[in-house]
C-alpha atoms as a PDB file:
ATOM      1  CA  MET A   1     117.848 120.435 133.036  1.00  0.00           C
ATOM      2  CA  TYR A   2     115.859 117.633 134.659  1.00  0.00           C
ATOM      3  CA  MET A   3     116.783 114.118 133.602  1.00  0.00           C
ATOM      4  CA  PRO A   4     115.423 110.972 135.252  1.00  0.00           C
ATOM      5  CA  GLU A   5     118.061 108.688 136.698  1.00  0.00           C
ATOM      6  CA  GLY A   6     119.151 106.110 134.160  1.00  0.00           C
ATOM      7  CA  HIS A   7     117.405 107.924 131.281  1.00  0.00           C
ATOM      8  CA  ASP A   8     118.741 107.532 127.787  1.00  0.00           C
ATOM      9  CA  ALA A   9     117.470 108.327 124.318  1.00  0.00           C
ATOM     10  CA  GLY A  10     116.019 104.844 123.843  1.00  0.00           C
ATOM     11  CA  GLY A  11     112.955 103.131 125.198  1.00  0.00           C
ATOM     12  CA  LEU A  12     109.406 103.047 123.941  1.00  0.00           C
ATOM     13  CA  VAL A  13     107.528 106.323 123.532  1.00  0.00           C
ATOM     14  CA  VAL A  14     103.728 106.366 123.268  1.00  0.00           C
ATOM     15  CA  VAL A  15     102.054 109.101 121.216  1.00  0.00           C
ATOM     16  CA  THR A  16      98.322 109.386 121.878  1.00  0.00           C
ATOM     17  CA  GLY A  17      96.173 110.899 119.165  1.00  0.00           C
ATOM     18  CA  ALA A  18      98.823 109.903 116.636  1.00  0.00           C
ATOM     19  CA  SER A  19      96.532 110.244 113.633  1.00  0.00           C
ATOM     20  CA  GLY A  20      95.899 113.920 114.428  1.00  0.00           C
ATOM     21  CA  TYR A  21      97.654 116.862 112.819  1.00  0.00           C
ATOM     22  CA  ILE A  22     100.170 117.467 115.625  1.00  0.00           C
ATOM     23  CA  GLY A  23     100.366 113.817 116.654  1.00  0.00           C
ATOM     24  CA  SER A  24     101.267 112.683 113.142  1.00  0.00           C
ATOM     25  CA  TYR A  25     104.188 115.080 112.963  1.00  0.00           C
ATOM     26  CA  ILE A  26     105.398 114.045 116.418  1.00  0.00           C
ATOM     27  CA  VAL A  27     105.423 110.420 115.244  1.00  0.00           C
ATOM     28  CA  ALA A  28     107.300 111.446 112.090  1.00  0.00           C
ATOM     29  CA  ASN A  29     109.845 113.399 114.135  1.00  0.00           C
ATOM     30  CA  LEU A  30     110.461 110.536 116.560  1.00  0.00           C
ATOM     31  CA  LEU A  31     110.773 107.937 113.801  1.00  0.00           C
ATOM     32  CA  SER A  32     113.285 110.117 111.944  1.00  0.00           C
ATOM     33  CA  LYS A  33     115.390 110.114 115.116  1.00  0.00           C
ATOM     34  CA  GLY A  34     115.330 106.308 115.310  1.00  0.00           C
ATOM     35  CA  ARG A  35     112.862 106.028 118.200  1.00  0.00           C
ATOM     36  CA  ALA A  36     110.540 103.113 118.915  1.00  0.00           C
ATOM     37  CA  VAL A  37     107.026 104.582 118.747  1.00  0.00           C
ATOM     38  CA  ARG A  38     103.666 103.179 119.796  1.00  0.00           C
ATOM     39  CA  ALA A  39     101.064 105.315 118.068  1.00  0.00           C
ATOM     40  CA  THR A  40      97.498 105.248 119.377  1.00  0.00           C
ATOM     41  CA  VAL A  41      94.536 105.834 117.061  1.00  0.00           C
ATOM     42  CA  ARG A  42      90.797 105.466 117.548  1.00  0.00           C
ATOM     43  CA  ASP A  43      90.284 103.246 114.495  1.00  0.00           C
ATOM     44  CA  SER A  44      93.194 101.380 112.950  1.00  0.00           C
ATOM     45  CA  THR A  45      91.053 100.301 109.964  1.00  0.00           C
ATOM     46  CA  ASP A  46      90.458 103.898 108.824  1.00  0.00           C
ATOM     47  CA  PRO A  47      92.908 104.692 105.978  1.00  0.00           C
ATOM     48  CA  GLU A  48      92.746 108.437 106.697  1.00  0.00           C
ATOM     49  CA  ARG A  49      94.004 107.758 110.227  1.00  0.00           C
ATOM     50  CA  VAL A  50      96.796 105.280 109.529  1.00  0.00           C
ATOM     51  CA  GLU A  51      97.991 105.250 105.908  1.00  0.00           C
ATOM     52  CA  HIS A  52     100.082 108.385 106.274  1.00  0.00           C
ATOM     53  CA  LEU A  53     101.609 107.014 109.497  1.00  0.00           C
ATOM     54  CA  ARG A  54     102.602 103.734 107.863  1.00  0.00           C
ATOM     55  CA  ALA A  55     104.218 105.677 105.020  1.00  0.00           C
ATOM     56  CA  LEU A  56     106.542 107.633 107.331  1.00  0.00           C
ATOM     57  CA  PRO A  57     110.269 106.931 106.872  1.00  0.00           C
ATOM     58  CA  LEU A  58     112.120 105.181 109.683  1.00  0.00           C
ATOM     59  CA  GLY A  59     115.448 106.435 110.965  1.00  0.00           C
ATOM     60  CA  ASN A  60     118.127 103.963 111.995  1.00  0.00           C
ATOM     61  CA  GLY A  61     116.648 101.849 114.806  1.00  0.00           C
ATOM     62  CA  GLY A  62     113.189 103.372 114.488  1.00  0.00           C
ATOM     63  CA  SER A  63     110.026 101.283 114.676  1.00  0.00           C
ATOM     64  CA  LEU A  64     106.304 101.982 114.558  1.00  0.00           C
ATOM     65  CA  GLU A  65     103.500 100.106 116.295  1.00  0.00           C
ATOM     66  CA  ILE A  66      99.930 101.310 115.729  1.00  0.00           C
ATOM     67  CA  VAL A  67      97.358 100.382 118.383  1.00  0.00           C
ATOM     68  CA  GLU A  68      93.738 101.294 118.933  1.00  0.00           C
ATOM     69  CA  MET A  69      92.920 103.317 122.033  1.00  0.00           C
ATOM     70  CA  ASP A  70      89.777 105.007 123.287  1.00  0.00           C
ATOM     71  CA  LEU A  71      90.602 107.787 125.736  1.00  0.00           C
ATOM     72  CA  LEU A  72      87.358 107.201 127.617  1.00  0.00           C
ATOM     73  CA  ASP A  73      88.076 103.465 128.018  1.00  0.00           C
ATOM     74  CA  ALA A  74      90.522 103.169 130.918  1.00  0.00           C
ATOM     75  CA  GLY A  75      91.378  99.587 130.007  1.00  0.00           C
ATOM     76  CA  SER A  76      92.509 100.453 126.491  1.00  0.00           C
ATOM     77  CA  VAL A  77      94.524 103.404 127.820  1.00  0.00           C
ATOM     78  CA  ASN A  78      96.282 101.175 130.371  1.00  0.00           C
ATOM     79  CA  GLU A  79      97.123  98.661 127.658  1.00  0.00           C
ATOM     80  CA  ALA A  80      98.486 101.314 125.302  1.00  0.00           C
ATOM     81  CA  ILE A  81     100.756 102.899 127.917  1.00  0.00           C
ATOM     82  CA  SER A  82     101.932  99.660 129.524  1.00  0.00           C
ATOM     83  CA  GLY A  83     105.698  99.200 129.367  1.00  0.00           C
ATOM     84  CA  CYS A  84     106.541 102.551 127.797  1.00  0.00           C
ATOM     85  CA  ARG A  85     109.216 104.965 128.982  1.00  0.00           C
ATOM     86  CA  GLU A  86     107.754 108.222 127.701  1.00  0.00           C
ATOM     87  CA  VAL A  87     104.285 109.500 126.862  1.00  0.00           C
ATOM     88  CA  ILE A  88     103.378 112.366 124.549  1.00  0.00           C
ATOM     89  CA  HIS A  89      99.679 112.960 125.105  1.00  0.00           C
ATOM     90  CA  THR A  90      98.214 114.874 122.162  1.00  0.00           C
ATOM     91  CA  ALA A  91      94.813 113.187 121.899  1.00  0.00           C
ATOM     92  CA  ALA A  92      91.978 115.678 122.358  1.00  0.00           C
ATOM     93  CA  VAL A  93      88.841 116.952 120.691  1.00  0.00           C
ATOM     94  CA  VAL A  94      89.411 120.026 118.505  1.00  0.00           C
ATOM     95  CA  VAL A  95      85.828 121.297 118.538  1.00  0.00           C
ATOM     96  CA  LEU A  96      85.060 124.861 119.577  1.00  0.00           C
ATOM     97  CA  ASN A  97      81.278 124.591 119.822  1.00  0.00           C
ATOM     98  CA  ALA A  98      78.793 121.751 120.179  1.00  0.00           C
ATOM     99  CA  LYS A  99      75.171 121.210 121.188  1.00  0.00           C
ATOM    100  CA  ASN A 100      76.356 119.318 124.275  1.00  0.00           C
ATOM    101  CA  PRO A 101      79.742 120.932 125.023  1.00  0.00           C
ATOM    102  CA  GLN A 102      80.260 119.075 128.301  1.00  0.00           C
ATOM    103  CA  GLU A 103      79.941 115.682 126.631  1.00  0.00           C
ATOM    104  CA  LYS A 104      81.502 116.529 123.268  1.00  0.00           C
ATOM    105  CA  ILE A 105      84.305 118.931 124.249  1.00  0.00           C
ATOM    106  CA  VAL A 106      85.135 118.995 127.969  1.00  0.00           C
ATOM    107  CA  ASP A 107      84.691 115.365 129.035  1.00  0.00           C
ATOM    108  CA  PRO A 108      86.954 113.829 126.347  1.00  0.00           C
ATOM    109  CA  SER A 109      89.786 116.160 127.360  1.00  0.00           C
ATOM    110  CA  VAL A 110      89.398 115.888 131.128  1.00  0.00           C
ATOM    111  CA  ILE A 111      88.322 112.263 131.536  1.00  0.00           C
ATOM    112  CA  GLY A 112      90.713 111.161 128.811  1.00  0.00           C
ATOM    113  CA  THR A 113      93.636 112.959 130.442  1.00  0.00           C
ATOM    114  CA  ARG A 114      92.721 111.517 133.839  1.00  0.00           C
ATOM    115  CA  ASN A 115      92.786 108.017 132.325  1.00  0.00           C
ATOM    116  CA  VAL A 116      96.228 108.701 130.835  1.00  0.00           C
ATOM    117  CA  LEU A 117      97.577 109.885 134.191  1.00  0.00           C
ATOM    118  CA  ARG A 118      96.198 106.827 135.979  1.00  0.00           C
ATOM    119  CA  ALA A 119      97.694 104.563 133.321  1.00  0.00           C
ATOM    120  CA  ILE A 120     101.075 106.222 133.830  1.00  0.00           C
ATOM    121  CA  ASP A 121     100.812 105.575 137.565  1.00  0.00           C
ATOM    122  CA  SER A 122      99.856 101.956 136.950  1.00  0.00           C
ATOM    123  CA  SER A 123     102.657 101.317 134.476  1.00  0.00           C
ATOM    124  CA  GLY A 124     105.513 102.150 136.836  1.00  0.00           C
ATOM    125  CA  THR A 125     107.798 102.603 133.822  1.00  0.00           C
ATOM    126  CA  VAL A 126     107.045 106.121 132.567  1.00  0.00           C
ATOM    127  CA  GLU A 127     109.827 108.663 133.121  1.00  0.00           C
ATOM    128  CA  CYS A 128     108.423 111.622 131.204  1.00  0.00           C
ATOM    129  CA  LEU A 129     105.039 113.007 130.146  1.00  0.00           C
ATOM    130  CA  VAL A 130     104.679 115.767 127.571  1.00  0.00           C
ATOM    131  CA  HIS A 131     101.117 117.063 127.333  1.00  0.00           C
ATOM    132  CA  THR A 132      99.689 119.027 124.415  1.00  0.00           C
ATOM    133  CA  SER A 133      97.820 121.977 125.862  1.00  0.00           C
ATOM    134  CA  SER A 134      96.917 125.169 124.003  1.00  0.00           C
ATOM    135  CA  THR A 135      97.002 128.944 124.079  1.00  0.00           C
ATOM    136  CA  ALA A 136      93.300 128.447 124.878  1.00  0.00           C
ATOM    137  CA  ALA A 137      94.394 127.318 128.355  1.00  0.00           C
ATOM    138  CA  ILE A 138      96.245 130.621 128.758  1.00  0.00           C
ATOM    139  CA  ARG A 139      94.019 133.252 127.144  1.00  0.00           C
ATOM    140  CA  PRO A 140      91.428 134.757 129.528  1.00  0.00           C
ATOM    141  CA  GLN A 141      88.058 135.876 128.225  1.00  0.00           C
ATOM    142  CA  ARG A 142      88.981 139.528 128.566  1.00  0.00           C
ATOM    143  CA  TRP A 143      92.263 140.914 127.294  1.00  0.00           C
ATOM    144  CA  LYS A 144      93.457 144.278 126.013  1.00  0.00           C
ATOM    145  CA  ASP A 145      94.398 145.212 122.467  1.00  0.00           C
ATOM    146  CA  GLY A 146      98.150 144.761 122.033  1.00  0.00           C
ATOM    147  CA  GLN A 147      98.545 142.704 125.224  1.00  0.00           C
ATOM    148  CA  VAL A 148     101.332 140.130 125.529  1.00  0.00           C
ATOM    149  CA  LEU A 149     100.301 136.940 127.343  1.00  0.00           C
ATOM    150  CA  THR A 150     102.842 134.725 129.073  1.00  0.00           C
ATOM    151  CA  THR A 151     102.953 131.251 130.558  1.00  0.00           C
ATOM    152  CA  GLU A 152     102.027 132.820 133.899  1.00  0.00           C
ATOM    153  CA  THR A 153      98.509 133.481 132.608  1.00  0.00           C
ATOM    154  CA  TRP A 154      95.561 131.082 132.870  1.00  0.00           C
ATOM    155  CA  ALA A 155      92.146 130.970 131.199  1.00  0.00           C
ATOM    156  CA  ASP A 156      90.606 130.449 134.617  1.00  0.00           C
ATOM    157  CA  ASP A 157      87.524 132.479 133.716  1.00  0.00           C
ATOM    158  CA  SER A 158      86.448 130.006 131.022  1.00  0.00           C
ATOM    159  CA  ASN A 159      83.122 128.280 131.475  1.00  0.00           C
ATOM    160  CA  ILE A 160      80.902 125.808 129.668  1.00  0.00           C
ATOM    161  CA  ASP A 161      78.678 128.543 128.212  1.00  0.00           C
ATOM    162  CA  ASN A 162      81.097 131.114 126.834  1.00  0.00           C
ATOM    163  CA  ASN A 163      84.262 129.110 126.126  1.00  0.00           C
ATOM    164  CA  PRO A 164      83.908 125.307 126.372  1.00  0.00           C
ATOM    165  CA  TYR A 165      87.080 124.641 124.391  1.00  0.00           C
ATOM    166  CA  GLY A 166      89.097 126.946 126.650  1.00  0.00           C
ATOM    167  CA  LEU A 167      87.541 125.268 129.683  1.00  0.00           C
ATOM    168  CA  ALA A 168      88.529 121.840 128.321  1.00  0.00           C
ATOM    169  CA  LYS A 169      92.149 122.806 127.687  1.00  0.00           C
ATOM    170  CA  PHE A 170      92.471 124.736 130.958  1.00  0.00           C
ATOM    171  CA  SER A 171      90.934 121.896 132.981  1.00  0.00           C
ATOM    172  CA  ALA A 172      93.065 119.192 131.354  1.00  0.00           C
ATOM    173  CA  GLU A 173      96.306 121.109 131.874  1.00  0.00           C
ATOM    174  CA  ARG A 174      95.452 121.918 135.478  1.00  0.00           C
ATOM    175  CA  LEU A 175      94.739 118.222 136.022  1.00  0.00           C
ATOM    176  CA  VAL A 176      98.180 117.311 134.667  1.00  0.00           C
ATOM    177  CA  ARG A 177      99.916 119.926 136.805  1.00  0.00           C
ATOM    178  CA  ASP A 178      98.040 119.022 139.982  1.00  0.00           C
ATOM    179  CA  TRP A 179      98.919 115.364 139.381  1.00  0.00           C
ATOM    180  CA  HIS A 180     102.582 116.272 138.913  1.00  0.00           C
ATOM    181  CA  ASP A 181     102.597 118.471 142.030  1.00  0.00           C
ATOM    182  CA  SER A 182     101.097 115.629 144.072  1.00  0.00           C
ATOM    183  CA  LYS A 183     104.214 113.545 143.393  1.00  0.00           C
ATOM    184  CA  GLY A 184     106.401 115.953 145.365  1.00  0.00           C
ATOM    185  CA  GLY A 185     109.223 115.702 142.854  1.00  0.00           C
ATOM    186  CA  ASN A 186     109.241 111.897 142.871  1.00  0.00           C
ATOM    187  CA  GLY A 187     107.153 111.331 139.754  1.00  0.00           C
ATOM    188  CA  PRO A 188     107.868 111.483 136.038  1.00  0.00           C
ATOM    189  CA  LYS A 189     109.195 114.627 134.453  1.00  0.00           C
ATOM    190  CA  MET A 190     106.345 116.674 132.970  1.00  0.00           C
ATOM    191  CA  ALA A 191     106.026 119.493 130.469  1.00  0.00           C
ATOM    192  CA  THR A 192     103.174 121.106 128.563  1.00  0.00           C
ATOM    193  CA  ILE A 193     103.322 122.541 125.053  1.00  0.00           C
ATOM    194  CA  ASN A 194     100.838 125.350 124.346  1.00  0.00           C
ATOM    195  CA  PRO A 195     100.448 126.032 120.615  1.00  0.00           C
ATOM    196  CA  CYS A 196      98.264 128.639 118.936  1.00  0.00           C
ATOM    197  CA  VAL A 197      96.777 128.179 115.432  1.00  0.00           C
ATOM    198  CA  VAL A 198      98.844 125.417 113.824  1.00  0.00           C
ATOM    199  CA  LEU A 199      99.626 125.446 110.085  1.00  0.00           C
ATOM    200  CA  GLY A 200     101.917 123.542 107.735  1.00  0.00           C
ATOM    201  CA  PRO A 201     101.542 120.661 105.264  1.00  0.00           C
ATOM    202  CA  PRO A 202      98.609 118.384 106.170  1.00  0.00           C
ATOM    203  CA  LEU A 203      99.491 114.693 105.921  1.00  0.00           C
ATOM    204  CA  SER A 204      95.887 113.473 105.798  1.00  0.00           C
ATOM    205  CA  ARG A 205      92.514 114.830 104.712  1.00  0.00           C
ATOM    206  CA  ARG A 206      91.487 114.612 108.392  1.00  0.00           C
ATOM    207  CA  HIS A 207      94.028 117.283 109.321  1.00  0.00           C
ATOM    208  CA  LEU A 208      91.986 119.896 107.488  1.00  0.00           C
ATOM    209  CA  ARG A 209      89.373 119.722 110.246  1.00  0.00           C
ATOM    210  CA  GLY A 210      91.732 121.322 112.760  1.00  0.00           C
ATOM    211  CA  SER A 211      93.538 124.650 112.557  1.00  0.00           C
ATOM    212  CA  PRO A 212      93.824 124.573 108.724  1.00  0.00           C
ATOM    213  CA  SER A 213      90.019 124.721 108.516  1.00  0.00           C
ATOM    214  CA  PHE A 214      90.117 128.516 108.358  1.00  0.00           C
ATOM    215  CA  VAL A 215      92.495 128.292 105.374  1.00  0.00           C
ATOM    216  CA  MET A 216      89.977 125.962 103.737  1.00  0.00           C
ATOM    217  CA  THR A 217      87.259 128.590 104.120  1.00  0.00           C
ATOM    218  CA  LEU A 218      89.379 130.793 101.864  1.00  0.00           C
ATOM    219  CA  LEU A 219      90.347 128.078  99.373  1.00  0.00           C
ATOM    220  CA  ASN A 220      86.721 126.955  99.059  1.00  0.00           C
ATOM    221  CA  ARG A 221      85.487 130.556  99.044  1.00  0.00           C
ATOM    222  CA  GLU A 222      82.985 129.785 101.770  1.00  0.00           C
ATOM    223  CA  ILE A 223      83.050 133.489 102.640  1.00  0.00           C
ATOM    224  CA  PRO A 224      82.952 136.395 100.148  1.00  0.00           C
ATOM    225  CA  PHE A 225      85.210 138.616 102.272  1.00  0.00           C
ATOM    226  CA  VAL A 226      87.548 138.541 105.254  1.00  0.00           C
ATOM    227  CA  VAL A 227      87.075 140.137 108.664  1.00  0.00           C
ATOM    228  CA  PRO A 228      89.662 142.175 110.622  1.00  0.00           C
ATOM    229  CA  MET A 229      90.998 139.258 112.666  1.00  0.00           C
ATOM    230  CA  HIS A 230      94.562 138.983 113.990  1.00  0.00           C
ATOM    231  CA  ILE A 231      95.708 135.337 113.964  1.00  0.00           C
ATOM    232  CA  SER A 232      98.692 133.857 115.835  1.00  0.00           C
ATOM    233  CA  ILE A 233     100.424 131.071 113.905  1.00  0.00           C
ATOM    234  CA  VAL A 234     102.971 128.339 114.516  1.00  0.00           C
ATOM    235  CA  ASP A 235     104.242 125.609 112.195  1.00  0.00           C
ATOM    236  CA  VAL A 236     103.127 122.034 112.908  1.00  0.00           C
ATOM    237  CA  ARG A 237     106.709 120.842 112.349  1.00  0.00           C
ATOM    238  CA  ASP A 238     107.957 123.251 115.016  1.00  0.00           C
ATOM    239  CA  VAL A 239     105.204 122.135 117.400  1.00  0.00           C
ATOM    240  CA  ALA A 240     106.298 118.523 116.941  1.00  0.00           C
ATOM    241  CA  GLU A 241     109.953 119.418 117.504  1.00  0.00           C
ATOM    242  CA  ALA A 242     109.079 121.240 120.723  1.00  0.00           C
ATOM    243  CA  HIS A 243     107.275 118.158 122.036  1.00  0.00           C
ATOM    244  CA  VAL A 244     110.194 115.876 121.242  1.00  0.00           C
ATOM    245  CA  ARG A 245     112.771 118.245 122.711  1.00  0.00           C
ATOM    246  CA  ALA A 246     110.728 118.526 125.904  1.00  0.00           C
ATOM    247  CA  LEU A 247     111.265 114.803 126.514  1.00  0.00           C
ATOM    248  CA  SER A 248     114.900 115.433 127.401  1.00  0.00           C
ATOM    249  CA  GLN A 249     115.355 119.219 127.529  1.00  0.00           C
ATOM    250  CA  GLY A 250     113.821 122.080 129.455  1.00  0.00           C
ATOM    251  CA  LYS A 251     112.549 122.301 132.991  1.00  0.00           C
ATOM    252  CA  ASP A 252     110.522 119.802 134.938  1.00  0.00           C
ATOM    253  CA  ALA A 253     106.939 121.181 134.947  1.00  0.00           C
ATOM    254  CA  GLY A 254     107.926 123.469 132.067  1.00  0.00           C
ATOM    255  CA  ARG A 255     105.150 125.328 130.276  1.00  0.00           C
ATOM    256  CA  TYR A 256     106.018 126.302 126.730  1.00  0.00           C
ATOM    257  CA  LEU A 257     104.097 128.643 124.478  1.00  0.00           C
ATOM    258  CA  VAL A 258     104.888 127.830 120.854  1.00  0.00           C
ATOM    259  CA  VAL A 259     104.017 130.813 118.638  1.00  0.00           C
ATOM    260  CA  SER A 260     106.024 132.122 115.698  1.00  0.00           C
ATOM    261  CA  GLY A 261     104.134 135.313 114.908  1.00  0.00           C
ATOM    262  CA  GLN A 262     100.884 136.866 113.725  1.00  0.00           C
ATOM    263  CA  MET A 263      99.128 137.762 110.478  1.00  0.00           C
ATOM    264  CA  TRP A 264      95.909 139.619 109.815  1.00  0.00           C
ATOM    265  CA  PHE A 265      93.295 137.502 108.035  1.00  0.00           C
ATOM    266  CA  LYS A 266      93.559 139.929 105.089  1.00  0.00           C
ATOM    267  CA  GLU A 267      97.326 139.306 104.876  1.00  0.00           C
ATOM    268  CA  ILE A 268      96.707 135.559 104.945  1.00  0.00           C
ATOM    269  CA  ALA A 269      94.204 135.752 102.094  1.00  0.00           C
ATOM    270  CA  ARG A 270      96.437 137.969  99.974  1.00  0.00           C
ATOM    271  CA  ALA A 271      99.495 135.745 100.535  1.00  0.00           C
ATOM    272  CA  ILE A 272      97.553 132.681  99.359  1.00  0.00           C
ATOM    273  CA  LYS A 273      96.219 134.577  96.352  1.00  0.00           C
ATOM    274  CA  GLU A 274      99.666 135.856  95.360  1.00  0.00           C
ATOM    275  CA  ALA A 275     101.144 132.351  95.544  1.00  0.00           C
ATOM    276  CA  ASN A 276      98.134 130.784  93.808  1.00  0.00           C
ATOM    277  CA  PRO A 277      96.751 133.388  91.383  1.00  0.00           C
ATOM    278  CA  ASP A 278      94.418 130.882  89.710  1.00  0.00           C
ATOM    279  CA  LEU A 279      92.492 130.335  92.939  1.00  0.00           C
ATOM    280  CA  SER A 280      89.402 132.426  93.667  1.00  0.00           C
ATOM    281  CA  VAL A 281      90.402 133.556  97.141  1.00  0.00           C
ATOM    282  CA  PRO A 282      88.462 136.420  98.774  1.00  0.00           C
ATOM    283  CA  THR A 283      90.819 139.215  99.791  1.00  0.00           C
ATOM    284  CA  ARG A 284      88.507 142.154 100.461  1.00  0.00           C
ATOM    285  CA  GLN A 285      88.205 143.034 104.148  1.00  0.00           C
ATOM    286  CA  VAL A 286      84.943 144.386 105.526  1.00  0.00           C
ATOM    287  CA  PRO A 287      85.110 147.286 108.011  1.00  0.00           C
ATOM    288  CA  TYR A 288      85.059 146.509 111.716  1.00  0.00           C
ATOM    289  CA  LEU A 289      81.534 147.781 112.346  1.00  0.00           C
ATOM    290  CA  LEU A 290      80.128 145.804 109.425  1.00  0.00           C
ATOM    291  CA  SER A 291      81.918 142.689 110.682  1.00  0.00           C
ATOM    292  CA  LEU A 292      80.067 143.077 113.990  1.00  0.00           C
ATOM    293  CA  VAL A 293      76.774 143.182 112.117  1.00  0.00           C
ATOM    294  CA  VAL A 294      77.748 140.056 110.175  1.00  0.00           C
ATOM    295  CA  SER A 295      78.552 138.237 113.433  1.00  0.00           C
ATOM    296  CA  ILE A 296      74.949 138.710 114.618  1.00  0.00           C
ATOM    297  CA  PHE A 297      73.723 136.495 111.786  1.00  0.00           C
ATOM    298  CA  HIS A 298      76.667 134.080 111.660  1.00  0.00           C
ATOM    299  CA  PRO A 299      75.833 130.575 112.990  1.00  0.00           C
ATOM    300  CA  LYS A 300      79.257 130.033 114.588  1.00  0.00           C
ATOM    301  CA  ILE A 301      80.267 133.535 115.751  1.00  0.00           C
ATOM    302  CA  SER A 302      78.634 135.499 118.552  1.00  0.00           C
ATOM    303  CA  LEU A 303      78.550 139.263 118.814  1.00  0.00           C
ATOM    304  CA  SER A 304      80.409 139.121 122.148  1.00  0.00           C
ATOM    305  CA  TRP A 305      83.163 137.020 120.573  1.00  0.00           C
ATOM    306  CA  ALA A 306      83.428 139.445 117.668  1.00  0.00           C
ATOM    307  CA  ARG A 307      83.670 142.448 119.980  1.00  0.00           C
ATOM    308  CA  THR A 308      86.460 140.771 121.944  1.00  0.00           C
ATOM    309  CA  HIS A 309      88.540 139.516 119.024  1.00  0.00           C
ATOM    310  CA  LEU A 310      87.962 141.492 115.833  1.00  0.00           C
ATOM    311  CA  GLY A 311      90.162 144.480 115.137  1.00  0.00           C
ATOM    312  CA  LYS A 312      92.402 143.697 118.109  1.00  0.00           C
ATOM    313  CA  ARG A 313      95.937 142.323 118.384  1.00  0.00           C
ATOM    314  CA  LEU A 314      97.088 139.716 120.866  1.00  0.00           C
ATOM    315  CA  TYR A 315     100.689 138.555 121.305  1.00  0.00           C
ATOM    316  CA  TRP A 316     102.410 135.702 123.147  1.00  0.00           C
ATOM    317  CA  ASP A 317     105.760 135.339 124.870  1.00  0.00           C
ATOM    318  CA  ALA A 318     107.385 132.225 123.410  1.00  0.00           C
ATOM    319  CA  SER A 319     110.833 133.043 124.807  1.00  0.00           C
ATOM    320  CA  PRO A 320     110.843 130.168 127.368  1.00  0.00           C
ATOM    321  CA  ALA A 321     110.627 127.652 124.500  1.00  0.00           C
ATOM    322  CA  GLU A 322     113.382 129.500 122.654  1.00  0.00           C
ATOM    323  CA  ARG A 323     115.579 129.727 125.741  1.00  0.00           C
ATOM    324  CA  GLU A 324     114.991 126.338 127.371  1.00  0.00           C
ATOM    325  CA  LEU A 325     114.228 124.125 124.368  1.00  0.00           C
ATOM    326  CA  GLY A 326     116.399 125.983 121.865  1.00  0.00           C
ATOM    327  CA  MET A 327     113.451 126.494 119.524  1.00  0.00           C
ATOM    328  CA  GLU A 328     113.632 128.541 116.350  1.00  0.00           C
ATOM    329  CA  TRP A 329     110.492 129.175 114.320  1.00  0.00           C
ATOM    330  CA  LYS A 330     109.457 128.978 110.712  1.00  0.00           C
ATOM    331  CA  SER A 331     107.784 132.215 109.686  1.00  0.00           C
ATOM    332  CA  PRO A 332     103.980 132.408 109.745  1.00  0.00           C
ATOM    333  CA  LYS A 333     103.902 133.075 106.003  1.00  0.00           C
ATOM    334  CA  GLU A 334     106.059 130.033 105.240  1.00  0.00           C
ATOM    335  CA  SER A 335     103.802 127.816 107.358  1.00  0.00           C
ATOM    336  CA  LEU A 336     100.711 129.261 105.685  1.00  0.00           C
ATOM    337  CA  LEU A 337     101.956 128.767 102.138  1.00  0.00           C
ATOM    338  CA  ASP A 338     103.205 125.240 102.896  1.00  0.00           C
ATOM    339  CA  THR A 339      99.664 124.333 103.979  1.00  0.00           C
ATOM    340  CA  VAL A 340      98.149 124.826 100.530  1.00  0.00           C
ATOM    341  CA  PRO A 341     100.058 122.550  98.068  1.00  0.00           C
ATOM    342  CA  PRO A 342      99.028 119.206  99.653  1.00  0.00           C
ATOM    343  CA  VAL A 343      95.393 120.354  99.511  1.00  0.00           C
ATOM    344  CA  LEU A 344      95.671 121.084  95.801  1.00  0.00           C
ATOM    345  CA  GLU A 345      97.807 118.046  94.952  1.00  0.00           C
ATOM    346  CA  ASN A 346      95.502 115.588  96.738  1.00  0.00           C
ATOM    347  CA  GLY A 347      92.251 117.088  95.500  1.00  0.00           C
ATOM    348  CA  TRP A 348      91.067 118.016  98.982  1.00  0.00           C
ATOM    349  CA  MET A 349      89.318 121.212  97.888  1.00  0.00           C
ATOM    350  CA  GLY A 350      85.716 121.186  99.022  1.00  0.00           C
ATOM    351  CA  ASP A 351      86.584 119.582 102.401  1.00  0.00           C
END
């Protein structure tokens, strides 16, 4: 296990993108362990970004500082990272498609990550960087039904036209790894965490815009049926724990897939319906061929995407995270069902 000389469990840790779904749980995890946390947000006056952070309980010795940071403003990034010992960089755009994907999806990830890396170099105090990547940085455009992907795989065939989100995550992670390699072993420890679809209790209405958005399509009955789609799931609390463990455990330059298992979309819908019988959740699955026809007219799904993904199973090897970080996973069904109550309790239906 790599450990920087003189490292201890103290010191200031910066969490970028702290108001996000994963970032919020990382902050919560660190505070519960008594860490001093500097949480960066884009707008500290927005209640949906900061109220849930300020309400988090503090463990013995824990402290929370919330600062504004714009990833594309190098000056604000330098200021946020100045004087810290560890950086957990989660800030990114979770948008799969946009009219200008280079500007809206790729640039924020790549330029923002480059600014973080330069700020780390300028600080001279950072001993460890943990970067939130994604299975999107691993999954190639073409894969076989039933295939198991590992951390040796890269989405190096992604491009701005067919997979801008994959290109953004791939490019940002490669940037981090090339930066780390350039240090020749004399730089900060580095690790990447690569989650799949993340579920679990949302702490803010904003969190519904990320991975839980597909659950919201069922709760809001935005679709009258479900398609034959196989979905890999991991719990947001497990994702946060993996990030925090990677600060002091695991290998230098470790790459950790965090995936607990898979469920068909039909199984997801039926599990929600069984746990919440009063909700009007669509559970009928359309046949594969009909789902292809539907994709032709769907504004967000292309026929080529549907042919690649629908009716097929894809698996991931998360054993490095289990072996090197000691991770154990909540079940996909538990994570799914824990996602729903906060939505109902807070009146977030319709979002």
